[in-house]
C-alpha cells in the first residue's frame, strides 16, 4: 500500500476497541482473517496521512468515496482481534463537530459549504440503510478526554521512549469487562457527589459506546501523534489514569479535598497540553 508521506502527522489521540473475529458476520470475518495474515500492516499515522491527503485534493473530499478496508490488529490471549478503521463513517461523524472547532472562514476555505452539504446528504442516505453503524475508533486532537482515563488503571500504562527507528509510544490496554466495570464505578461515584458536569457526561457517552461491542474485546487508549508534541519528561511523568483512579476512590470514601486535588492535577496537565495548540 503506498504511503502519502513518511512525515509523522501529530497531535491526535485515540480510543479504540479491538473485537474478536467471532464478533463479525461473514463475509467480513473472512476478510479480516485474511487481512491479519499480511506481512505489513498500516499504522495509525498511515491512517491519518491518508485522511489529510483527501483534504488537500482538488477539489477537497470531506470524506473518502469508499469505506476503508483496513484495520488495526491485536492478539489477546491467543485470540485474534481487529479494530476496523471505518474512516468514511468517522469522517461523516466528524463533520458535524468542525463548526465548533474552526472559525467559519477557515472551515469554508478548507471544506467549502457545498462540499460539506453534499457529504452530509450522502451520510443521511447511507445512515438510513445502516442505522446500527458505529465506529470502533474515537479520536481527539491536542488532548485525551478525561473520561477516557476512567477505563484504565496505572499498571496498564505502557510508555516506550523513542529508540532509534522506533518512535515513542504511550498507551493503555484493558479487557472490555474491566473498562465497563470502571466506567460504571466512576459514574456512580461522580453522580453521588457532583450530579452533573463534563466528566460525568463524558462517562455516559463512552459507557454507551462500549456497550456496542463484544464482551471479550480489548480497549486501547493511544496517545498517538501527541507523543511527538510533548517532551519526554512530561510523558514520563504523565500518570493521568492514576489521577482519575485516585479521584474516584477519594469520592467513594467521601474525601472531597483529595478528590479535588487529583482533579486539579489533571486539569492543569491537560490545559498546558492544549496551550501548545495555540502556540503552533
Foldseek 3Di string as FASTA:
>chain_A
DDAPDPDFDFFKWKKFKWAFLVQDDPPLSVLVVVVVPDPDADDPRRVVRVCVVQLPDVVHALADPDFDSHWDWDADPNTITTFGQRRRVVSLVCLVVVPVVDPPVVCCVRANPVNNVVSNVVVVVVCVVVVPDDHRMDMDGLFDPLLVLLQFALVQWDWDPDDVVRHTWIKGKDQLVSSLVSLVLLLVLCCVPPVDDDSNVVSVVVNVVSVSGDRRMMIMIINRRLVVVDDPVLVVPDRSSNLSVQLSVCSVVVNNVRNVVSVVVVVVSSVVSNVVVVVD
